[in-house]
Amino acid sequence: MGTFKIEGGHQLKGKIQPQGAKNEALQILCAVLLTPELVTINNIPDIVDVNKLISLLKKLGVKVEKLAKGSYTFKADNVDLDYLESDQFKIDGRGLRGSIMIVGPLLARFGRGYIPKPGGDKIGRRRLDTHFEGLIKLGAKFGYSKEEQFYGVEAKRLKGTYMLLEEASVTGTANILMAAVLAEGQTTIYNAACEPYLQQLCKMLNRMGAKISGVGSNMLIVDGVDSLGGTEHRMLPDMIEIGSWIGLAAMTKSELTITNVSWNDLGVIPATFRKLGITVERRGDDIHIPAHTDGYEIQSFIDGSILTISDAPWPGFTPDLLSIILVVATQARGSVLIHQKMFESRLFFVDKLIDMGAKIILCDPHRATVIGHDYKSTLKATTMTSPDIRAGVSLLIAALSAKGTSTIQNIEQIDRGYENIDERLRAIGAKIERID
């Protein structure tokens, strides 16, 4: 198990380039299974979760070639369907939540798709119902082995239909969409997720020959086609990483520039950080954060009541950044209520922050009230363990702002979502060391 040793309390300075988007990569990589032709993908992040999925594709028989850093070609012209029923697949598929999205493409192209119950973050229940209910409506026959926790869907040919999704699940929408593009007839997906990464998937599929309209809305209309061809695609920068660096700059009173952020795809993220009193400047396609030497003050609602920041499906605020917002609020002037609606275990990491001296009241599994210190009392160094990707980075940001030397264990969780994070932070002045 790896550990970060962090000497906190230092100001950082410089430029940092966000990696390619993790959540987009997991969708886009699964889409290569839809065609036997060559697909080139650029700006792929070099992180554990993405590398696991690339390895899984290789074991499925997909030909993978690395062209340069972040650039790969994929050719799924000889897929090994027998691997899907092997004991090894039952092990490999469990190691990654995003592996669920191979089911839709496999079902659409080959008539069957299987997956063991996927793993991932320990942040509460993450149901697969939306995925399979959508595939069943397209005509798939569903099977589940409770003993092995193994899911399967089969169909000779999927048929288009109308469906209203119970929840605007991003991965669920992606899975259903990738199945529908090769279905017979027209499919309407209402209450579809419309995140920029889902829009990216739609644009890529359309370049491959799919017929998808309504891109960017919550109603996707898909006219099925007989086959798809190859294409080239480039990932967006990772909005979660961008938000993480905004929070890091504020907490460490640092002047940072985050380059090439694709401003038009950030939605309410800049405005949400501004509600905490953080100056977020747009310079071309960069974000500039000046050093907040005088601190930052949380806004109130118009009637003077305490600010509440909560997560919501796009274009609402992404749940992946609520833990960053919570940490940043610990040194603000004022108070804020953080409401994590989607996952009931994601706020449990606040006990580590309380140990560091933060003033946080955990109201229930979904809500926490933060009373900011206004830098009058800095966080204190401690030893902690990363419970999941986003909480891990939040604790890392807290440690970089704290007085003294902290250690964070189980950093493999952070590596799942952030590329070479220690090297990149050292480049802007952070005192961080990786210990195996």
Protein backbone atom coordinates (compact mmCIF):
# COMPACT_ATOMS: atom_id res chain seq x y z
CA MET A 1 0.00 0.00 0.00
CA GLY A 2 1.44 3.36 -1.05
CA THR A 3 1.66 6.48 1.11
CA PHE A 4 2.06 10.20 0.49
CA LYS A 5 4.20 12.20 2.89
CA ILE A 6 3.18 15.87 2.69
CA GLU A 7 4.84 18.88 4.27
CA GLY A 8 2.08 21.44 4.40
CA GLY A 9 1.88 25.19 4.78
CA HIS A 10 3.76 26.16 1.59
CA GLN A 11 2.46 28.50 -1.10
CA LEU A 12 2.48 27.10 -4.61
CA LYS A 13 2.96 28.96 -7.88
CA GLY A 14 2.87 28.21 -11.57
CA LYS A 15 0.81 26.56 -14.28
CA ILE A 16 -0.85 23.18 -14.26
CA GLN A 17 -2.42 21.37 -17.21
CA PRO A 18 -5.50 19.24 -16.50
CA GLN A 19 -5.42 15.63 -17.66
CA GLY A 20 -7.94 14.10 -20.03
CA ALA A 21 -11.33 13.43 -18.49
CA LYS A 22 -11.54 10.14 -16.58
CA ASN A 23 -15.32 9.85 -16.80
CA GLU A 24 -15.30 10.53 -20.53
CA ALA A 25 -12.51 8.03 -21.13
CA LEU A 26 -14.44 5.16 -19.54
CA GLN A 27 -17.35 5.73 -21.96
CA ILE A 28 -15.30 6.39 -25.09
CA LEU A 29 -13.06 3.35 -24.63
CA CYS A 30 -16.08 1.04 -24.40
CA ALA A 31 -17.43 2.51 -27.65
CA VAL A 32 -14.50 1.06 -29.63
CA LEU A 33 -16.26 -2.32 -29.32
CA LEU A 34 -19.01 -1.08 -31.66
CA THR A 35 -16.89 -1.28 -34.81
CA PRO A 36 -14.27 -3.57 -36.38
CA GLU A 37 -12.57 -0.51 -37.86
CA LEU A 38 -9.68 1.50 -36.41
CA VAL A 39 -10.49 4.08 -33.72
CA THR A 40 -7.86 6.61 -32.59
CA ILE A 41 -8.30 8.31 -29.21
CA ASN A 42 -6.19 11.21 -27.91
CA ASN A 43 -5.67 12.82 -24.49
CA ILE A 44 -6.35 9.57 -22.61
CA PRO A 45 -5.34 10.03 -18.95
CA ASP A 46 -2.66 7.67 -17.61
CA ILE A 47 -4.57 6.61 -14.49
CA VAL A 48 -5.33 3.28 -12.85
CA ASP A 49 -9.03 3.04 -13.74
CA VAL A 50 -8.47 3.86 -17.42
CA ASN A 51 -5.46 1.54 -17.69
CA LYS A 52 -7.52 -1.28 -16.18
CA LEU A 53 -10.18 -0.78 -18.85
CA ILE A 54 -7.58 -0.76 -21.64
CA SER A 55 -6.20 -4.02 -20.22
CA LEU A 56 -9.70 -5.49 -20.18
CA LEU A 57 -10.20 -4.54 -23.84
CA LYS A 58 -6.91 -6.24 -24.72
CA LYS A 59 -8.07 -9.43 -23.02
CA LEU A 60 -11.28 -9.22 -25.05
CA GLY A 61 -9.13 -9.38 -28.16
CA VAL A 62 -9.08 -5.69 -29.06
CA LYS A 63 -5.82 -4.71 -30.78
CA VAL A 64 -4.37 -1.75 -28.85
CA GLU A 65 -1.38 0.31 -29.99
CA LYS A 66 0.11 3.24 -28.10
CA LEU A 67 1.10 6.02 -30.51
CA ALA A 68 2.36 8.58 -28.00
CA LYS A 69 1.62 9.75 -24.49
CA GLY A 70 -2.18 9.73 -24.17
CA SER A 71 -2.77 8.60 -27.78
CA TYR A 72 -3.85 5.07 -28.71
CA THR A 73 -5.45 3.17 -31.57
CA PHE A 74 -8.03 0.43 -30.99
CA LYS A 75 -9.26 -2.21 -33.43
CA ALA A 76 -12.00 -4.60 -32.28
CA ASP A 77 -12.04 -6.80 -35.39
CA ASN A 78 -11.48 -10.10 -33.58
CA VAL A 79 -13.30 -9.94 -30.24
CA ASP A 80 -12.99 -13.05 -28.06
CA LEU A 81 -16.51 -13.59 -26.74
CA ASP A 82 -15.46 -16.77 -24.90
CA TYR A 83 -13.42 -14.60 -22.52
CA LEU A 84 -16.69 -13.08 -21.28
CA GLU A 85 -17.67 -16.42 -19.73
CA SER A 86 -14.25 -17.25 -18.28
CA ASP A 87 -13.32 -17.23 -14.60
CA GLN A 88 -10.61 -14.67 -15.36
CA PHE A 89 -13.19 -12.21 -16.72
CA LYS A 90 -15.19 -12.56 -13.53
CA ILE A 91 -12.10 -11.37 -11.67
CA ASP A 92 -11.02 -8.67 -14.13
CA GLY A 93 -14.47 -7.14 -14.55
CA ARG A 94 -14.97 -6.67 -10.82
CA GLY A 95 -11.98 -4.38 -10.48
CA LEU A 96 -13.53 -1.40 -12.25
CA ARG A 97 -16.91 0.30 -12.08
CA GLY A 98 -16.66 1.54 -15.65
CA SER A 99 -16.50 -2.01 -16.99
CA ILE A 100 -20.32 -2.06 -16.91
CA MET A 101 -20.30 0.03 -20.10
CA ILE A 102 -18.91 -2.78 -22.25
CA VAL A 103 -22.29 -4.52 -21.97
CA GLY A 104 -24.25 -2.21 -24.30
CA PRO A 105 -21.74 -2.28 -27.18
CA LEU A 106 -21.23 -6.07 -26.92
CA LEU A 107 -24.98 -6.71 -26.84
CA ALA A 108 -25.61 -4.46 -29.84
CA ARG A 109 -22.84 -5.86 -32.02
CA PHE A 110 -22.58 -9.49 -30.94
CA GLY A 111 -25.95 -10.26 -29.35
CA ARG A 112 -24.68 -10.86 -25.84
CA GLY A 113 -22.95 -9.01 -23.06
CA TYR A 114 -21.90 -10.12 -19.58
CA ILE A 115 -20.38 -8.45 -16.56
CA PRO A 116 -19.62 -9.36 -12.94
CA LYS A 117 -20.83 -6.89 -10.33
CA PRO A 118 -18.35 -4.03 -10.77
CA GLY A 119 -16.25 -2.53 -7.98
CA GLY A 120 -15.10 1.06 -7.55
CA ASP A 121 -15.49 3.69 -4.83
CA LYS A 122 -16.98 2.86 -1.44
CA ILE A 123 -19.36 5.82 -1.50
CA GLY A 124 -22.70 4.12 -1.09
CA ARG A 125 -25.09 2.20 -3.31
CA ARG A 126 -24.68 2.62 -7.05
CA ARG A 127 -27.48 0.70 -8.70
CA LEU A 128 -27.28 -0.93 -12.11
CA ASP A 129 -31.06 -1.02 -12.62
CA THR A 130 -31.11 1.86 -15.12
CA HIS A 131 -28.58 0.08 -17.34
CA PHE A 132 -30.38 -3.24 -17.52
CA GLU A 133 -33.95 -1.87 -17.57
CA GLY A 134 -33.01 0.14 -20.64
CA LEU A 135 -31.41 -2.83 -22.38
CA ILE A 136 -34.45 -4.99 -21.57
CA LYS A 137 -36.73 -2.37 -23.16
CA LEU A 138 -34.59 -2.64 -26.30
CA GLY A 139 -35.47 -6.34 -26.39
CA ALA A 140 -32.69 -8.01 -24.42
CA LYS A 141 -33.26 -11.05 -22.23
CA PHE A 142 -31.77 -10.48 -18.78
CA GLY A 143 -30.13 -13.03 -16.52
CA TYR A 144 -28.45 -12.79 -13.11
CA SER A 145 -26.57 -15.32 -10.99
CA LYS A 146 -26.91 -14.30 -7.37
CA GLU A 147 -24.24 -16.76 -6.24
CA GLU A 148 -21.60 -15.40 -8.63
CA GLN A 149 -23.05 -11.86 -8.81
CA PHE A 150 -22.82 -12.15 -12.58
CA TYR A 151 -25.09 -10.25 -14.99
CA GLY A 152 -25.93 -11.12 -18.58
CA VAL A 153 -28.08 -9.85 -21.46
CA GLU A 154 -28.74 -11.51 -24.81
CA ALA A 155 -30.70 -10.60 -27.95
CA LYS A 156 -30.61 -11.63 -31.61
CA ARG A 157 -31.38 -8.04 -32.67
CA LEU A 158 -32.32 -5.09 -30.54
CA LYS A 159 -35.38 -3.05 -31.49
CA GLY A 160 -35.85 0.66 -30.98
CA THR A 161 -38.39 1.87 -28.45
CA TYR A 162 -39.39 4.80 -26.23
CA MET A 163 -38.07 4.84 -22.68
CA LEU A 164 -38.23 7.23 -19.75
CA LEU A 165 -35.23 6.63 -17.50
CA GLU A 166 -35.91 6.45 -13.77
CA GLU A 167 -32.73 8.44 -13.12
CA ALA A 168 -30.48 10.53 -15.35
CA SER A 169 -27.59 8.11 -14.91
CA VAL A 170 -24.52 9.07 -16.95
CA THR A 171 -23.15 5.55 -17.31
CA GLY A 172 -26.66 4.15 -17.72
CA THR A 173 -27.43 6.61 -20.53
CA ALA A 174 -24.09 5.81 -22.20
CA ASN A 175 -24.69 2.06 -22.04
CA ILE A 176 -28.23 2.29 -23.44
CA LEU A 177 -27.13 4.77 -26.11
CA MET A 178 -24.33 2.51 -27.33
CA ALA A 179 -26.80 -0.36 -27.60
CA ALA A 180 -29.45 1.74 -29.36
CA VAL A 181 -27.19 2.99 -32.17
CA LEU A 182 -27.21 -0.52 -33.74
CA ALA A 183 -30.83 -1.35 -32.86
CA GLU A 184 -33.53 -1.72 -35.51
CA GLY A 185 -35.70 1.39 -35.80
CA GLN A 186 -35.87 4.49 -33.61
CA THR A 187 -35.11 4.76 -29.91
CA THR A 188 -36.10 7.72 -27.72
CA ILE A 189 -34.23 8.09 -24.41
CA TYR A 190 -35.99 10.63 -22.17
CA ASN A 191 -34.46 11.88 -18.90
CA ALA A 192 -31.11 11.09 -20.46
CA ALA A 193 -27.95 12.43 -18.85
CA CYS A 194 -26.56 15.38 -20.78
CA GLU A 195 -23.10 15.91 -19.25
CA PRO A 196 -20.39 17.21 -21.62
CA TYR A 197 -18.77 13.77 -21.53
CA LEU A 198 -22.01 12.15 -22.68
CA GLN A 199 -22.22 14.80 -25.41
CA GLN A 200 -18.68 13.85 -26.43
CA LEU A 201 -19.77 10.21 -26.74
CA CYS A 202 -22.73 11.23 -28.93
CA LYS A 203 -20.50 13.31 -31.21
CA MET A 204 -18.02 10.45 -31.55
CA LEU A 205 -20.75 7.93 -32.37
CA ASN A 206 -22.22 10.28 -34.97
CA ARG A 207 -18.80 10.58 -36.62
CA MET A 208 -18.73 6.78 -36.70
CA GLY A 209 -22.02 6.78 -38.63
CA ALA A 210 -24.64 6.75 -35.87
CA LYS A 211 -27.74 8.95 -36.13
CA ILE A 212 -28.26 10.64 -32.77
CA SER A 213 -30.19 13.90 -32.36
CA GLY A 214 -30.97 15.97 -29.28
CA VAL A 215 -27.31 15.97 -28.18
CA GLY A 216 -26.92 18.16 -25.08
CA SER A 217 -30.58 17.80 -24.08
CA ASN A 218 -32.29 15.25 -21.84
CA MET A 219 -34.07 13.66 -24.79
CA LEU A 220 -31.92 11.68 -27.20
CA ILE A 221 -33.45 10.29 -30.39
CA VAL A 222 -31.48 7.48 -32.01
CA ASP A 223 -32.19 6.09 -35.47
CA GLY A 224 -30.49 2.71 -35.58
CA VAL A 225 -27.94 1.86 -38.29
CA ASP A 226 -26.55 -1.48 -39.46
CA SER A 227 -22.89 -0.80 -38.68
CA LEU A 228 -20.41 1.84 -37.50
CA GLY A 229 -16.99 2.81 -38.84
CA GLY A 230 -13.74 4.12 -37.42
CA THR A 231 -13.00 7.65 -36.24
CA GLU A 232 -10.57 9.84 -34.31
CA HIS A 233 -11.53 11.44 -31.00
CA ARG A 234 -9.95 13.75 -28.43
CA MET A 235 -10.94 13.79 -24.75
CA LEU A 236 -12.01 16.96 -22.96
CA PRO A 237 -9.92 18.12 -19.98
CA ASP A 238 -11.09 16.66 -16.68
CA MET A 239 -13.50 19.11 -15.01
CA ILE A 240 -13.10 17.37 -11.64
CA GLU A 241 -9.36 17.88 -11.73
CA ILE A 242 -9.87 21.51 -12.73
CA GLY A 243 -12.13 22.03 -9.70
CA SER A 244 -9.56 20.29 -7.50
CA TRP A 245 -6.84 22.73 -8.56
CA ILE A 246 -9.12 25.72 -7.93
CA GLY A 247 -9.65 24.43 -4.39
CA LEU A 248 -5.94 23.75 -3.93
CA ALA A 249 -5.03 27.31 -4.92
CA ALA A 250 -7.50 28.83 -2.47
CA MET A 251 -6.56 26.58 0.48
CA THR A 252 -2.81 27.18 0.08
CA LYS A 253 -3.14 30.93 -0.73
CA SER A 254 -1.38 30.20 -4.00
CA GLU A 255 -1.38 31.91 -7.40
CA LEU A 256 -2.09 29.22 -9.98
CA THR A 257 -3.03 29.13 -13.65
CA ILE A 258 -4.95 26.12 -14.91
CA THR A 259 -4.39 25.91 -18.65
CA ASN A 260 -6.66 24.79 -21.51
CA VAL A 261 -9.74 24.08 -19.38
CA SER A 262 -12.44 24.14 -22.11
CA TRP A 263 -14.39 26.89 -20.32
CA ASN A 264 -17.60 26.28 -22.23
CA ASP A 265 -17.81 22.75 -20.79
CA LEU A 266 -17.36 23.73 -17.11
CA GLY A 267 -20.99 24.68 -16.48
CA VAL A 268 -21.61 26.06 -12.99
CA ILE A 269 -18.24 24.99 -11.56
CA PRO A 270 -16.56 28.44 -11.68
CA ALA A 271 -19.68 30.16 -10.31
CA THR A 272 -19.95 27.68 -7.43
CA PHE A 273 -16.37 28.36 -6.30
CA ARG A 274 -17.07 32.09 -6.58
CA LYS A 275 -19.93 31.61 -4.08
CA LEU A 276 -17.24 30.63 -1.57
CA GLY A 277 -15.52 33.96 -2.26
CA ILE A 278 -12.79 32.54 -4.49
CA THR A 279 -11.63 34.69 -7.40
CA VAL A 280 -11.83 32.63 -10.60
CA GLU A 281 -10.55 34.66 -13.56
CA ARG A 282 -10.99 33.66 -17.19
CA ARG A 283 -7.93 34.32 -19.35
CA GLY A 284 -8.64 32.97 -22.82
CA ASP A 285 -9.19 29.27 -22.20
CA ASP A 286 -7.23 29.33 -18.94
CA ILE A 287 -8.34 29.82 -15.34
CA HIS A 288 -6.24 32.13 -13.18
CA ILE A 289 -6.53 31.98 -9.39
CA PRO A 290 -4.72 34.85 -7.60
CA ALA A 291 -3.20 34.30 -4.18
CA HIS A 292 -5.99 34.74 -1.60
CA THR A 293 -3.72 36.26 1.04
CA ASP A 294 -6.69 38.00 2.72
CA GLY A 295 -8.83 34.88 2.65
CA TYR A 296 -12.24 34.41 1.00
CA GLU A 297 -15.79 34.92 2.26
CA ILE A 298 -18.78 32.66 1.68
CA GLN A 299 -21.83 34.36 0.23
CA SER A 300 -25.29 34.10 1.77
CA PHE A 301 -28.58 33.67 -0.02
CA ILE A 302 -30.45 36.87 -0.87
CA ASP A 303 -32.57 36.63 2.31
CA GLY A 304 -29.44 36.25 4.44
CA SER A 305 -29.85 32.53 5.11
CA ILE A 306 -26.88 30.16 5.10
CA LEU A 307 -25.58 29.14 1.68
CA THR A 308 -26.35 25.57 0.62
CA ILE A 309 -24.29 23.85 -2.07
CA SER A 310 -25.72 20.58 -3.34
CA ASP A 311 -25.13 18.20 -6.22
CA ALA A 312 -27.50 17.63 -9.14
CA PRO A 313 -27.47 16.07 -12.60
CA TRP A 314 -25.91 18.27 -15.29
CA PRO A 315 -26.16 21.22 -15.69
CA GLY A 316 -26.24 21.15 -11.89
CA PHE A 317 -23.10 20.91 -9.75
CA THR A 318 -21.26 17.61 -10.08
CA PRO A 319 -21.20 15.40 -6.94
CA ASP A 320 -17.52 14.61 -7.58
CA LEU A 321 -16.54 18.14 -6.48
CA LEU A 322 -18.60 18.43 -3.29
CA SER A 323 -15.79 16.98 -1.17
CA ILE A 324 -13.42 19.63 -2.61
CA ILE A 325 -15.94 22.39 -1.84
CA LEU A 326 -16.28 21.06 1.71
CA VAL A 327 -12.52 21.17 2.33
CA VAL A 328 -12.17 24.66 0.84
CA ALA A 329 -14.97 25.92 3.13
CA THR A 330 -13.00 24.92 6.24
CA GLN A 331 -10.77 28.01 5.84
CA ALA A 332 -13.37 30.45 4.51
CA ARG A 333 -15.09 33.28 6.36
CA GLY A 334 -18.63 32.18 7.08
CA SER A 335 -20.57 28.93 7.00
CA VAL A 336 -22.05 26.66 4.35
CA LEU A 337 -24.29 23.60 4.26
CA ILE A 338 -23.02 20.84 1.96
CA HIS A 339 -25.80 18.54 0.74
CA GLN A 340 -24.63 15.36 -0.96
CA LYS A 341 -27.84 13.95 -2.42
CA MET A 342 -26.62 11.10 -4.58
CA PHE A 343 -24.39 8.97 -2.33
CA GLU A 344 -24.99 8.26 1.33
CA SER A 345 -21.39 7.46 2.34
CA ARG A 346 -19.43 10.15 0.56
CA LEU A 347 -19.26 12.60 3.47
CA PHE A 348 -17.92 10.14 6.02
CA PHE A 349 -14.35 11.29 5.35
CA VAL A 350 -15.05 14.50 7.33
CA ASP A 351 -13.93 12.79 10.54
CA LYS A 352 -10.36 13.09 9.20
CA LEU A 353 -10.83 16.83 8.70
CA ILE A 354 -12.29 17.19 12.19
CA ASP A 355 -9.17 15.45 13.52
CA MET A 356 -7.16 18.15 11.72
CA GLY A 357 -9.13 20.86 13.54
CA ALA A 358 -11.86 21.67 11.04
CA LYS A 359 -15.24 22.80 12.38
CA ILE A 360 -17.72 20.50 10.70
CA ILE A 361 -21.07 19.19 11.90
CA LEU A 362 -22.10 15.99 10.11
CA CYS A 363 -25.87 16.37 10.24
CA ASP A 364 -26.64 12.98 8.62
CA PRO A 365 -25.06 10.80 5.89
CA HIS A 366 -26.03 13.38 3.25
CA ARG A 367 -25.45 16.76 4.90
CA ALA A 368 -22.60 18.56 6.65
CA THR A 369 -22.36 22.12 7.97
CA VAL A 370 -18.92 23.73 7.74
CA ILE A 371 -17.93 26.70 9.90
CA GLY A 372 -14.91 28.34 8.29
CA HIS A 373 -11.76 29.23 10.23
CA ASP A 374 -10.87 32.27 8.09
CA TYR A 375 -7.22 31.08 8.42
CA LYS A 376 -7.24 32.16 12.09
CA SER A 377 -6.65 28.54 12.98
CA THR A 378 -4.81 26.44 10.40
CA LEU A 379 -5.48 22.75 9.97
CA LYS A 380 -3.03 20.47 11.76
CA ALA A 381 -1.08 17.65 10.19
CA THR A 382 -2.15 14.09 10.84
CA THR A 383 -2.09 10.54 9.46
CA MET A 384 -5.10 9.49 7.39
CA THR A 385 -6.32 6.98 4.82
CA SER A 386 -7.89 7.75 1.45
CA PRO A 387 -11.37 6.15 1.28
CA ASP A 388 -12.09 6.98 -2.39
CA ILE A 389 -10.75 9.08 -5.27
CA ARG A 390 -12.39 12.41 -4.50
CA ALA A 391 -12.16 12.26 -0.71
CA GLY A 392 -8.51 11.26 -1.11
CA VAL A 393 -7.70 14.37 -3.12
CA SER A 394 -9.67 16.51 -0.68
CA LEU A 395 -7.56 15.17 2.18
CA LEU A 396 -4.43 15.81 0.09
CA ILE A 397 -5.47 19.44 -0.39
CA ALA A 398 -6.12 19.73 3.35
CA ALA A 399 -2.67 18.28 4.08
CA LEU A 400 -0.95 20.71 1.69
CA SER A 401 -2.56 23.61 3.59
CA ALA A 402 -1.96 22.19 7.08
CA LYS A 403 0.80 23.01 9.51
CA GLY A 404 3.29 20.17 9.82
CA THR A 405 3.85 16.87 8.02
CA SER A 406 0.92 14.61 7.16
CA THR A 407 0.75 11.12 5.71
CA ILE A 408 -2.03 9.74 3.52
CA GLN A 409 -2.26 5.98 3.14
CA ASN A 410 -4.08 3.93 0.48
CA ILE A 411 -3.08 6.44 -2.19
CA GLU A 412 -3.92 3.84 -4.83
CA GLN A 413 -7.42 5.33 -4.59
CA ILE A 414 -6.06 8.75 -5.62
CA ASP A 415 -4.03 7.17 -8.45
CA ARG A 416 -7.27 5.73 -9.84
CA GLY A 417 -8.33 9.22 -10.90
CA TYR A 418 -5.31 11.56 -10.96
CA GLU A 419 -2.33 11.17 -13.29
CA ASN A 420 1.13 11.41 -11.64
CA ILE A 421 -0.34 13.78 -9.09
CA ASP A 422 2.76 13.94 -6.86
CA GLU A 423 5.08 14.83 -9.76
CA ARG A 424 2.72 17.49 -11.09
CA LEU A 425 2.28 19.05 -7.65
CA ARG A 426 6.03 19.11 -7.01
CA ALA A 427 6.39 21.04 -10.30
CA ILE A 428 4.40 23.93 -8.78
CA GLY A 429 6.21 23.85 -5.43
CA ALA A 430 4.42 21.26 -3.30
CA LYS A 431 6.42 19.29 -0.74
CA ILE A 432 5.06 15.81 -1.40
CA GLU A 433 6.81 12.45 -1.46
CA ARG A 434 5.53 9.05 -2.55
CA ILE A 435 6.55 6.16 -0.30
CA ASP A 436 5.87 2.56 -1.36
